[in-house]
Structures are given as structure tokens and as C-alpha cells.
Amino acid sequence: KQWYQRRVRDIQRITPFFEMPATDEEEEEAPPVWNIQKQNNILLMLEILQVLISPTNNPQSVTSCQKVMYTRGIYMRLMDLLLYPGLPPDIFAKLLIIIGDVIRGNEIIQQFMDELEMSERPAILLILMFMVNDKQPFKARLAAFTVSNASSSKTRRDKPGLSPHFYLTKRMCKQE
């Protein structure tokens, strides 16, 4: 019980980290520049989230972390970050993988994802457009496939180590 309380409290502290400065869509400025330190910080924070909701973790632990990420707004911050201008491809791909892990096996979040609209389009349609866009890096397209697969699959956690996401993520990490 103490472990659970500590983990929930720590997840809540992560939420402000993903707040990005507002961008004015009407201005025709160049997208914000992501310096190397900012990219590394975001990637490391995404790695922490990935560890918490990895399909290889205990299912109860994953479910509780998914619930906290959803109720505390981290999930929405991650979805907002997808559309942030100038997002580097490696962060974009990692972000999609994390989003896939957050919604995998959680019917409430899957339903929310089905109803979510981003840029006046359903979020899942936007992610499918990322997947079929040949201008996107292969890694990002594969990650978009992971999200669409996670959003369409219902709860199945009896063999988490055998999920296609687990092998795709390991393979993508080896290619880096």
C-alpha cells in the first residue's frame, strides 16, 4: 500500500513537466526550436512513464498507473504534445508508444480516445493519418500503429510479455 501511494504521488508530480508554452496558431512563425537538453529531458521523462506502464509489469500496477495518468491529466498532456509544433521525430515516436501503453487494455481510456477530437478531427483518425503518411519516419509510423492496435484491442493482459508492442519497442530501441 505504501508503494502504491508513493508511485501515485510521484506520477502527479510529473504532470507539470509536460506543460508546454502556448503557441499562437494564427502567427506564421517558425516552429519552436527544441534544444538538445530539452529533448533529452522530455525523452527521459517519457522513459520513466514507459517504465511505469510497461506491459511486462504486474497488471494491477499497470492499471493503477494508467488510471492515475488519466485522472491527473498526464494522458491529455501527452495527447496535446503530439500536436506541438516542431516536435522532434524521436520524441514523437516515443510519445506515441507511451500513449499506446496508457490506453492498452483500459476500456475507459480507449472509449475516451474514441471520442477525443484534436484539430477538429477524431484523435484516432489523426493517429491513423500519421501511420499512413509516408513523410513520417518509419519509427513514428510504427509507433502510430502501436497506438491504433492498443486502442482497438480489448483487455487482454494474461500474456503481457507477448504483446507485439513489447517486441516492436525492443527492436526500435536496438535500431537507435
N, C-alpha and C. Protein backbone atom coordinates (compact mmCIF):
# COMPACT_ATOMS: atom_id res chain seq x y z
N LYS A 1 0.83 -1.19 0.00
CA LYS A 1 0.00 0.00 0.00
C LYS A 1 0.87 1.26 0.00
N GLN A 2 1.96 1.24 0.77
CA GLN A 2 2.85 2.40 0.78
C GLN A 2 3.48 2.60 -0.59
N TRP A 3 3.85 1.50 -1.24
CA TRP A 3 4.43 1.57 -2.58
C TRP A 3 3.46 2.24 -3.54
N TYR A 4 2.19 1.85 -3.48
CA TYR A 4 1.18 2.43 -4.36
C TYR A 4 1.03 3.94 -4.11
N GLN A 5 0.94 4.33 -2.85
CA GLN A 5 0.80 5.75 -2.52
C GLN A 5 2.00 6.56 -3.02
N ARG A 6 3.20 6.02 -2.87
CA ARG A 6 4.40 6.71 -3.31
C ARG A 6 4.40 6.87 -4.83
N ARG A 7 4.03 5.81 -5.54
CA ARG A 7 4.01 5.86 -7.00
C ARG A 7 2.97 6.86 -7.51
N VAL A 8 1.78 6.86 -6.93
CA VAL A 8 0.73 7.79 -7.33
C VAL A 8 1.18 9.23 -7.10
N ARG A 9 1.78 9.48 -5.96
CA ARG A 9 2.25 10.83 -5.64
C ARG A 9 3.32 11.27 -6.64
N ASP A 10 4.22 10.37 -7.00
CA ASP A 10 5.28 10.70 -7.95
C ASP A 10 4.72 10.97 -9.34
N ILE A 11 3.74 10.21 -9.77
CA ILE A 11 3.13 10.43 -11.08
C ILE A 11 2.49 11.81 -11.13
N GLN A 12 1.84 12.21 -10.05
CA GLN A 12 1.20 13.53 -10.01
C GLN A 12 2.23 14.64 -10.17
N ARG A 13 3.43 14.43 -9.68
CA ARG A 13 4.47 15.46 -9.79
C ARG A 13 4.99 15.60 -11.22
N ILE A 14 4.80 14.61 -12.04
CA ILE A 14 5.28 14.63 -13.42
C ILE A 14 4.42 15.54 -14.30
N THR A 15 3.15 15.69 -13.98
CA THR A 15 2.21 16.42 -14.84
C THR A 15 2.71 17.79 -15.26
N PRO A 16 3.20 18.65 -14.37
CA PRO A 16 3.64 19.99 -14.81
C PRO A 16 4.82 19.95 -15.79
N PHE A 17 5.58 18.86 -15.78
CA PHE A 17 6.74 18.77 -16.66
C PHE A 17 6.33 18.82 -18.14
N PHE A 18 5.15 18.32 -18.44
CA PHE A 18 4.70 18.25 -19.83
C PHE A 18 3.89 19.47 -20.26
N GLU A 19 3.89 20.51 -19.44
CA GLU A 19 3.24 21.75 -19.85
C GLU A 19 4.16 22.47 -20.82
N MET A 20 3.65 22.78 -21.97
CA MET A 20 4.44 23.48 -22.99
C MET A 20 3.89 24.88 -23.15
N PRO A 21 4.75 25.82 -23.51
CA PRO A 21 4.27 27.18 -23.74
C PRO A 21 3.22 27.19 -24.85
N ALA A 22 2.22 28.03 -24.67
CA ALA A 22 1.16 28.13 -25.67
C ALA A 22 1.73 28.69 -26.97
N THR A 23 1.22 28.16 -28.08
CA THR A 23 1.62 28.67 -29.39
C THR A 23 0.41 29.31 -30.03
N ASP A 24 0.63 30.40 -30.71
CA ASP A 24 -0.44 31.08 -31.40
C ASP A 24 -0.53 30.52 -32.81
N GLU A 25 -1.61 29.80 -33.09
CA GLU A 25 -1.76 29.15 -34.39
C GLU A 25 -1.91 30.15 -35.53
N GLU A 26 -2.34 31.37 -35.24
CA GLU A 26 -2.55 32.34 -36.30
C GLU A 26 -1.24 32.96 -36.78
N GLU A 27 -0.22 32.95 -35.95
CA GLU A 27 1.05 33.52 -36.35
C GLU A 27 1.77 32.54 -37.27
N GLU A 28 2.43 33.06 -38.28
CA GLU A 28 3.15 32.24 -39.25
C GLU A 28 4.62 32.15 -38.90
N GLU A 29 4.93 31.95 -37.65
CA GLU A 29 6.31 31.85 -37.21
C GLU A 29 6.84 30.45 -37.43
N ALA A 30 8.16 30.33 -37.40
CA ALA A 30 8.78 29.02 -37.47
C ALA A 30 8.46 28.27 -36.18
N PRO A 31 8.38 26.95 -36.24
CA PRO A 31 8.08 26.18 -35.02
C PRO A 31 9.18 26.39 -33.97
N PRO A 32 8.83 26.27 -32.69
CA PRO A 32 9.83 26.46 -31.64
C PRO A 32 10.99 25.48 -31.81
N VAL A 33 12.16 25.93 -31.46
CA VAL A 33 13.35 25.09 -31.56
C VAL A 33 13.49 24.28 -30.27
N TRP A 34 13.72 23.02 -30.42
CA TRP A 34 13.91 22.13 -29.28
C TRP A 34 15.41 21.92 -29.12
N ASN A 35 16.01 22.52 -28.10
CA ASN A 35 17.44 22.31 -27.91
C ASN A 35 17.69 20.88 -27.41
N ILE A 36 18.94 20.47 -27.47
CA ILE A 36 19.31 19.10 -27.12
C ILE A 36 18.93 18.75 -25.68
N GLN A 37 19.16 19.67 -24.76
CA GLN A 37 18.85 19.39 -23.35
C GLN A 37 17.35 19.19 -23.15
N LYS A 38 16.54 20.03 -23.79
CA LYS A 38 15.09 19.89 -23.67
C LYS A 38 14.63 18.55 -24.26
N GLN A 39 15.20 18.16 -25.39
CA GLN A 39 14.85 16.88 -25.99
C GLN A 39 15.22 15.73 -25.06
N ASN A 40 16.41 15.77 -24.51
CA ASN A 40 16.84 14.71 -23.59
C ASN A 40 15.97 14.64 -22.35
N ASN A 41 15.61 15.80 -21.80
CA ASN A 41 14.75 15.82 -20.62
C ASN A 41 13.39 15.19 -20.90
N ILE A 42 12.78 15.57 -22.03
CA ILE A 42 11.47 15.01 -22.39
C ILE A 42 11.59 13.51 -22.63
N LEU A 43 12.63 13.08 -23.35
CA LEU A 43 12.80 11.65 -23.61
C LEU A 43 12.99 10.86 -22.32
N LEU A 44 13.76 11.38 -21.39
CA LEU A 44 13.96 10.68 -20.12
C LEU A 44 12.68 10.62 -19.30
N MET A 45 11.91 11.69 -19.31
CA MET A 45 10.65 11.68 -18.58
C MET A 45 9.67 10.68 -19.22
N LEU A 46 9.68 10.61 -20.55
CA LEU A 46 8.84 9.62 -21.23
C LEU A 46 9.29 8.20 -20.91
N GLU A 47 10.59 8.01 -20.75
CA GLU A 47 11.11 6.69 -20.36
C GLU A 47 10.59 6.30 -18.98
N ILE A 48 10.55 7.27 -18.08
CA ILE A 48 10.03 6.99 -16.73
C ILE A 48 8.57 6.56 -16.81
N LEU A 49 7.78 7.29 -17.62
CA LEU A 49 6.38 6.90 -17.78
C LEU A 49 6.27 5.51 -18.39
N GLN A 50 7.14 5.22 -19.35
CA GLN A 50 7.09 3.92 -20.01
C GLN A 50 7.39 2.78 -19.03
N VAL A 51 8.32 3.02 -18.13
CA VAL A 51 8.63 2.00 -17.12
C VAL A 51 7.41 1.73 -16.24
N LEU A 52 6.68 2.78 -15.90
CA LEU A 52 5.53 2.63 -15.02
C LEU A 52 4.39 1.83 -15.66
N ILE A 53 4.22 1.96 -16.97
CA ILE A 53 3.07 1.31 -17.63
C ILE A 53 3.50 0.25 -18.64
N SER A 54 4.68 -0.27 -18.49
CA SER A 54 5.17 -1.31 -19.39
C SER A 54 4.27 -2.54 -19.34
N PRO A 55 3.98 -3.15 -20.48
CA PRO A 55 3.14 -4.35 -20.49
C PRO A 55 3.76 -5.53 -19.73
N THR A 56 5.04 -5.46 -19.44
CA THR A 56 5.69 -6.55 -18.71
C THR A 56 5.54 -6.41 -17.19
N ASN A 57 4.99 -5.29 -16.73
CA ASN A 57 4.76 -5.08 -15.30
C ASN A 57 3.55 -5.87 -14.82
N ASN A 58 3.40 -5.93 -13.51
CA ASN A 58 2.24 -6.53 -12.88
C ASN A 58 0.97 -5.84 -13.40
N PRO A 59 -0.04 -6.57 -13.87
CA PRO A 59 -1.25 -5.95 -14.42
C PRO A 59 -1.94 -4.96 -13.47
N GLN A 60 -1.97 -5.27 -12.16
CA GLN A 60 -2.60 -4.34 -11.22
C GLN A 60 -1.82 -3.03 -11.15
N SER A 61 -0.52 -3.12 -11.21
CA SER A 61 0.33 -1.93 -11.17
C SER A 61 0.12 -1.08 -12.42
N VAL A 62 0.06 -1.74 -13.56
CA VAL A 62 -0.15 -1.03 -14.83
C VAL A 62 -1.51 -0.34 -14.81
N THR A 63 -2.53 -1.04 -14.36
CA THR A 63 -3.88 -0.47 -14.32
C THR A 63 -3.94 0.74 -13.41
N SER A 64 -3.31 0.64 -12.24
CA SER A 64 -3.34 1.79 -11.33
C SER A 64 -2.57 2.97 -11.91
N CYS A 65 -1.45 2.73 -12.56
CA CYS A 65 -0.69 3.82 -13.17
C CYS A 65 -1.46 4.43 -14.34
N GLN A 66 -2.12 3.59 -15.14
CA GLN A 66 -2.95 4.12 -16.23
C GLN A 66 -4.04 5.02 -15.68
N LYS A 67 -4.68 4.57 -14.63
CA LYS A 67 -5.78 5.34 -14.04
C LYS A 67 -5.28 6.70 -13.53
N VAL A 68 -4.14 6.69 -12.85
CA VAL A 68 -3.60 7.94 -12.33
C VAL A 68 -3.19 8.87 -13.48
N MET A 69 -2.57 8.32 -14.51
CA MET A 69 -2.17 9.15 -15.65
C MET A 69 -3.38 9.77 -16.35
N TYR A 70 -4.45 9.03 -16.37
CA TYR A 70 -5.68 9.53 -17.00
C TYR A 70 -6.36 10.58 -16.12
N THR A 71 -6.54 10.26 -14.84
CA THR A 71 -7.28 11.17 -13.96
C THR A 71 -6.48 12.43 -13.60
N ARG A 72 -5.18 12.36 -13.59
CA ARG A 72 -4.35 13.51 -13.23
C ARG A 72 -3.94 14.35 -14.44
N GLY A 73 -4.40 13.98 -15.62
CA GLY A 73 -4.19 14.82 -16.78
C GLY A 73 -2.93 14.56 -17.58
N ILE A 74 -2.13 13.60 -17.19
CA ILE A 74 -0.91 13.32 -17.96
C ILE A 74 -1.26 12.82 -19.35
N TYR A 75 -2.28 11.98 -19.44
CA TYR A 75 -2.69 11.45 -20.75
C TYR A 75 -3.05 12.59 -21.71
N MET A 76 -3.82 13.56 -21.24
CA MET A 76 -4.20 14.68 -22.11
C MET A 76 -2.99 15.55 -22.45
N ARG A 77 -2.09 15.71 -21.51
CA ARG A 77 -0.87 16.49 -21.81
C ARG A 77 -0.07 15.80 -22.91
N LEU A 78 0.00 14.48 -22.85
CA LEU A 78 0.72 13.73 -23.88
C LEU A 78 0.03 13.87 -25.23
N MET A 79 -1.29 13.83 -25.22
CA MET A 79 -2.04 13.99 -26.48
C MET A 79 -1.83 15.40 -27.04
N ASP A 80 -1.82 16.41 -26.17
CA ASP A 80 -1.57 17.78 -26.62
C ASP A 80 -0.16 17.93 -27.18
N LEU A 81 0.78 17.26 -26.57
CA LEU A 81 2.17 17.33 -27.01
C LEU A 81 2.33 16.77 -28.42
N LEU A 82 1.49 15.81 -28.79
CA LEU A 82 1.54 15.25 -30.16
C LEU A 82 1.41 16.34 -31.23
N LEU A 83 0.61 17.34 -30.95
CA LEU A 83 0.35 18.38 -31.93
C LEU A 83 1.24 19.61 -31.73
N TYR A 84 2.16 19.55 -30.79
CA TYR A 84 3.02 20.71 -30.53
C TYR A 84 3.95 20.93 -31.72
N PRO A 85 4.07 22.16 -32.19
CA PRO A 85 4.88 22.43 -33.38
C PRO A 85 6.37 22.13 -33.15
N GLY A 86 7.00 21.60 -34.18
CA GLY A 86 8.43 21.36 -34.13
C GLY A 86 8.85 20.17 -33.31
N LEU A 87 7.92 19.28 -32.99
CA LEU A 87 8.23 18.12 -32.17
C LEU A 87 9.23 17.21 -32.91
N PRO A 88 10.40 16.94 -32.32
CA PRO A 88 11.38 16.07 -32.98
C PRO A 88 10.82 14.66 -33.20
N PRO A 89 11.23 14.00 -34.28
CA PRO A 89 10.68 12.67 -34.62
C PRO A 89 10.89 11.62 -33.54
N ASP A 90 12.03 11.63 -32.86
CA ASP A 90 12.25 10.61 -31.83
C ASP A 90 11.32 10.79 -30.64
N ILE A 91 11.05 12.04 -30.28
CA ILE A 91 10.10 12.31 -29.19
C ILE A 91 8.69 11.95 -29.65
N PHE A 92 8.36 12.27 -30.89
CA PHE A 92 7.05 11.95 -31.45
C PHE A 92 6.80 10.44 -31.39
N ALA A 93 7.78 9.64 -31.82
CA ALA A 93 7.62 8.19 -31.81
C ALA A 93 7.49 7.65 -30.39
N LYS A 94 8.33 8.13 -29.48
CA LYS A 94 8.27 7.67 -28.08
C LYS A 94 6.94 8.05 -27.45
N LEU A 95 6.46 9.25 -27.77
CA LEU A 95 5.19 9.73 -27.26
C LEU A 95 4.04 8.83 -27.70
N LEU A 96 4.05 8.45 -28.96
CA LEU A 96 3.01 7.55 -29.46
C LEU A 96 3.05 6.20 -28.76
N ILE A 97 4.23 5.69 -28.51
CA ILE A 97 4.35 4.40 -27.81
C ILE A 97 3.78 4.51 -26.39
N ILE A 98 4.09 5.61 -25.70
CA ILE A 98 3.58 5.81 -24.34
C ILE A 98 2.06 5.92 -24.37
N ILE A 99 1.53 6.66 -25.32
CA ILE A 99 0.07 6.80 -25.44
C ILE A 99 -0.56 5.43 -25.67
N GLY A 100 0.07 4.61 -26.51
CA GLY A 100 -0.42 3.25 -26.73
C GLY A 100 -0.44 2.44 -25.45
N ASP A 101 0.62 2.59 -24.64
CA ASP A 101 0.67 1.86 -23.37
C ASP A 101 -0.37 2.36 -22.38
N VAL A 102 -0.64 3.65 -22.39
CA VAL A 102 -1.64 4.20 -21.47
C VAL A 102 -3.03 3.67 -21.80
N ILE A 103 -3.34 3.51 -23.08
CA ILE A 103 -4.70 3.08 -23.43
C ILE A 103 -4.84 1.57 -23.55
N ARG A 104 -3.74 0.85 -23.65
CA ARG A 104 -3.80 -0.60 -23.85
C ARG A 104 -4.51 -1.29 -22.69
N GLY A 105 -5.56 -2.00 -23.01
CA GLY A 105 -6.26 -2.80 -22.01
C GLY A 105 -7.15 -2.02 -21.06
N ASN A 106 -7.28 -0.73 -21.24
CA ASN A 106 -8.10 0.09 -20.34
C ASN A 106 -9.30 0.61 -21.13
N GLU A 107 -10.43 -0.02 -20.94
CA GLU A 107 -11.61 0.30 -21.74
C GLU A 107 -12.09 1.75 -21.56
N ILE A 108 -11.94 2.31 -20.38
CA ILE A 108 -12.38 3.69 -20.14
C ILE A 108 -11.54 4.66 -20.98
N ILE A 109 -10.23 4.47 -20.95
CA ILE A 109 -9.36 5.36 -21.71
C ILE A 109 -9.52 5.10 -23.22
N GLN A 110 -9.75 3.85 -23.59
CA GLN A 110 -9.98 3.54 -25.01
C GLN A 110 -11.24 4.25 -25.51
N GLN A 111 -12.28 4.23 -24.71
CA GLN A 111 -13.51 4.91 -25.10
C GLN A 111 -13.29 6.42 -25.18
N PHE A 112 -12.54 6.96 -24.23
CA PHE A 112 -12.22 8.38 -24.27
C PHE A 112 -11.44 8.71 -25.54
N MET A 113 -10.51 7.85 -25.89
CA MET A 113 -9.71 8.04 -27.11
C MET A 113 -10.61 8.03 -28.34
N ASP A 114 -11.60 7.16 -28.36
CA ASP A 114 -12.53 7.09 -29.49
C ASP A 114 -13.31 8.39 -29.65
N GLU A 115 -13.61 9.05 -28.53
CA GLU A 115 -14.44 10.26 -28.56
C GLU A 115 -13.62 11.54 -28.62
N LEU A 116 -12.31 11.45 -28.39
CA LEU A 116 -11.45 12.64 -28.33
C LEU A 116 -11.27 13.26 -29.71
N GLU A 117 -11.37 14.58 -29.77
CA GLU A 117 -11.14 15.31 -31.01
C GLU A 117 -9.91 16.19 -30.84
N MET A 118 -9.05 16.16 -31.85
CA MET A 118 -7.85 17.00 -31.87
C MET A 118 -7.79 17.67 -33.24
N SER A 119 -7.58 18.96 -33.26
CA SER A 119 -7.53 19.70 -34.53
C SER A 119 -8.79 19.45 -35.35
N GLU A 120 -9.93 19.42 -34.67
CA GLU A 120 -11.24 19.25 -35.30
C GLU A 120 -11.40 17.90 -36.02
N ARG A 121 -10.63 16.92 -35.60
CA ARG A 121 -10.73 15.55 -36.14
C ARG A 121 -10.68 14.58 -34.98
N PRO A 122 -11.26 13.41 -35.16
CA PRO A 122 -11.11 12.39 -34.12
C PRO A 122 -9.63 12.05 -33.93
N ALA A 123 -9.21 11.91 -32.69
CA ALA A 123 -7.80 11.66 -32.38
C ALA A 123 -7.30 10.38 -33.04
N ILE A 124 -8.12 9.35 -33.04
CA ILE A 124 -7.67 8.08 -33.63
C ILE A 124 -7.47 8.24 -35.13
N LEU A 125 -8.29 9.05 -35.77
CA LEU A 125 -8.11 9.30 -37.20
C LEU A 125 -6.79 10.04 -37.45
N LEU A 126 -6.50 11.00 -36.59
CA LEU A 126 -5.24 11.74 -36.71
C LEU A 126 -4.05 10.79 -36.57
N ILE A 127 -4.13 9.87 -35.63
CA ILE A 127 -3.04 8.92 -35.43
C ILE A 127 -2.93 7.97 -36.62
N LEU A 128 -4.06 7.55 -37.17
CA LEU A 128 -4.03 6.73 -38.38
C LEU A 128 -3.42 7.49 -39.55
N MET A 129 -3.68 8.79 -39.62
CA MET A 129 -3.07 9.60 -40.68
C MET A 129 -1.55 9.67 -40.50
N PHE A 130 -1.08 9.73 -39.25
CA PHE A 130 0.36 9.68 -39.00
C PHE A 130 0.92 8.35 -39.51
N MET A 131 0.16 7.28 -39.31
CA MET A 131 0.63 5.95 -39.66
C MET A 131 0.79 5.78 -41.17
N VAL A 132 -0.11 6.33 -41.94
CA VAL A 132 -0.06 6.11 -43.39
C VAL A 132 0.70 7.21 -44.13
N ASN A 133 1.12 8.25 -43.43
CA ASN A 133 1.85 9.36 -44.05
C ASN A 133 3.29 8.92 -44.31
N ASP A 134 3.65 8.78 -45.57
CA ASP A 134 4.99 8.30 -45.90
C ASP A 134 6.07 9.34 -45.63
N LYS A 135 5.69 10.57 -45.28
CA LYS A 135 6.67 11.59 -44.92
C LYS A 135 7.11 11.45 -43.47
N GLN A 136 6.35 10.70 -42.68
CA GLN A 136 6.73 10.46 -41.29
C GLN A 136 7.84 9.41 -41.27
N PRO A 137 8.78 9.54 -40.33
CA PRO A 137 9.81 8.50 -40.19
C PRO A 137 9.17 7.14 -39.89
N PHE A 138 9.83 6.09 -40.32
CA PHE A 138 9.29 4.74 -40.13
C PHE A 138 9.01 4.45 -38.66
N LYS A 139 9.90 4.91 -37.79
CA LYS A 139 9.73 4.68 -36.36
C LYS A 139 8.42 5.29 -35.86
N ALA A 140 8.10 6.49 -36.32
CA ALA A 140 6.86 7.16 -35.90
C ALA A 140 5.64 6.44 -36.47
N ARG A 141 5.75 5.96 -37.69
CA ARG A 141 4.63 5.23 -38.31
C ARG A 141 4.37 3.92 -37.57
N LEU A 142 5.44 3.25 -37.16
CA LEU A 142 5.31 2.02 -36.40
C LEU A 142 4.70 2.30 -35.03
N ALA A 143 5.10 3.40 -34.42
CA ALA A 143 4.53 3.79 -33.12
C ALA A 143 3.05 4.14 -33.26
N ALA A 144 2.67 4.78 -34.35
CA ALA A 144 1.25 5.10 -34.59
C ALA A 144 0.45 3.80 -34.75
N PHE A 145 1.05 2.81 -35.37
CA PHE A 145 0.39 1.50 -35.48
C PHE A 145 0.17 0.91 -34.08
N THR A 146 1.15 1.08 -33.21
CA THR A 146 1.03 0.59 -31.84
C THR A 146 -0.16 1.21 -31.14
N VAL A 147 -0.35 2.52 -31.32
CA VAL A 147 -1.48 3.21 -30.69
C VAL A 147 -2.80 2.70 -31.27
N SER A 148 -2.87 2.58 -32.60
CA SER A 148 -4.13 2.11 -33.19
C SER A 148 -4.43 0.68 -32.76
N ASN A 149 -3.41 -0.13 -32.63
CA ASN A 149 -3.60 -1.50 -32.16
C ASN A 149 -4.07 -1.52 -30.71
N ALA A 150 -3.47 -0.68 -29.88
CA ALA A 150 -3.86 -0.64 -28.46
C ALA A 150 -5.26 -0.09 -28.28
N SER A 151 -5.66 0.85 -29.12
CA SER A 151 -6.99 1.44 -28.97
C SER A 151 -8.09 0.51 -29.47
N SER A 152 -7.73 -0.42 -30.34
CA SER A 152 -8.76 -1.31 -30.87
C SER A 152 -8.84 -2.63 -30.12
N SER A 153 -7.80 -2.96 -29.35
CA SER A 153 -7.82 -4.23 -28.63
C SER A 153 -8.49 -4.05 -27.27
N LYS A 154 -9.25 -5.02 -26.90
CA LYS A 154 -9.88 -5.01 -25.58
C LYS A 154 -8.93 -5.63 -24.57
N THR A 155 -9.33 -5.64 -23.33
CA THR A 155 -8.43 -6.08 -22.27
C THR A 155 -7.96 -7.51 -22.51
N ARG A 156 -6.64 -7.64 -22.54
CA ARG A 156 -6.01 -8.95 -22.65
C ARG A 156 -4.63 -8.81 -22.04
N ARG A 157 -4.53 -9.16 -20.77
CA ARG A 157 -3.27 -8.99 -20.07
C ARG A 157 -2.71 -10.31 -19.54
N ASP A 158 -3.26 -11.41 -19.97
CA ASP A 158 -2.79 -12.65 -19.39
C ASP A 158 -1.39 -13.01 -19.87
N LYS A 159 -0.94 -12.47 -21.02
CA LYS A 159 0.41 -12.73 -21.51
C LYS A 159 1.04 -11.41 -21.96
N PRO A 160 1.33 -10.50 -21.01
CA PRO A 160 1.82 -9.18 -21.40
C PRO A 160 3.16 -9.22 -22.11
N GLY A 161 4.00 -10.17 -21.81
CA GLY A 161 5.30 -10.23 -22.44
C GLY A 161 5.22 -10.58 -23.92
N LEU A 162 4.09 -11.09 -24.36
CA LEU A 162 3.95 -11.49 -25.75
C LEU A 162 3.27 -10.43 -26.61
N SER A 163 3.04 -9.25 -26.07
CA SER A 163 2.37 -8.21 -26.84
C SER A 163 3.27 -7.76 -27.99
N PRO A 164 2.69 -7.46 -29.16
CA PRO A 164 3.51 -7.01 -30.28
C PRO A 164 4.25 -5.72 -29.94
N HIS A 165 3.66 -4.90 -29.10
CA HIS A 165 4.30 -3.64 -28.70
C HIS A 165 5.65 -3.90 -28.03
N PHE A 166 5.69 -4.92 -27.17
CA PHE A 166 6.91 -5.21 -26.44
C PHE A 166 8.06 -5.50 -27.40
N TYR A 167 7.81 -6.31 -28.41
CA TYR A 167 8.85 -6.66 -29.36
C TYR A 167 9.19 -5.50 -30.28
N LEU A 168 8.18 -4.73 -30.70
CA LEU A 168 8.44 -3.58 -31.56
C LEU A 168 9.28 -2.55 -30.83
N THR A 169 8.98 -2.31 -29.56
CA THR A 169 9.73 -1.33 -28.79
C THR A 169 11.18 -1.78 -28.62
N LYS A 170 11.38 -3.04 -28.30
CA LYS A 170 12.74 -3.55 -28.15
C LYS A 170 13.52 -3.42 -29.45
N ARG A 171 12.85 -3.71 -30.55
CA ARG A 171 13.52 -3.65 -31.86
C ARG A 171 13.84 -2.19 -32.22
N MET A 172 12.91 -1.27 -31.94
CA MET A 172 13.14 0.13 -32.24
C MET A 172 14.29 0.67 -31.41
N CYS A 173 14.40 0.25 -30.16
CA CYS A 173 15.48 0.73 -29.31
C CYS A 173 16.83 0.22 -29.83
N LYS A 174 16.87 -0.99 -30.37
CA LYS A 174 18.12 -1.53 -30.90
C LYS A 174 18.55 -0.78 -32.16
N GLN A 175 17.58 -0.26 -32.93
CA GLN A 175 17.91 0.45 -34.16
C GLN A 175 18.47 1.83 -33.88
N GLU A 176 18.21 2.41 -32.70
CA GLU A 176 18.68 3.76 -32.38
C GLU A 176 20.12 3.83 -32.20
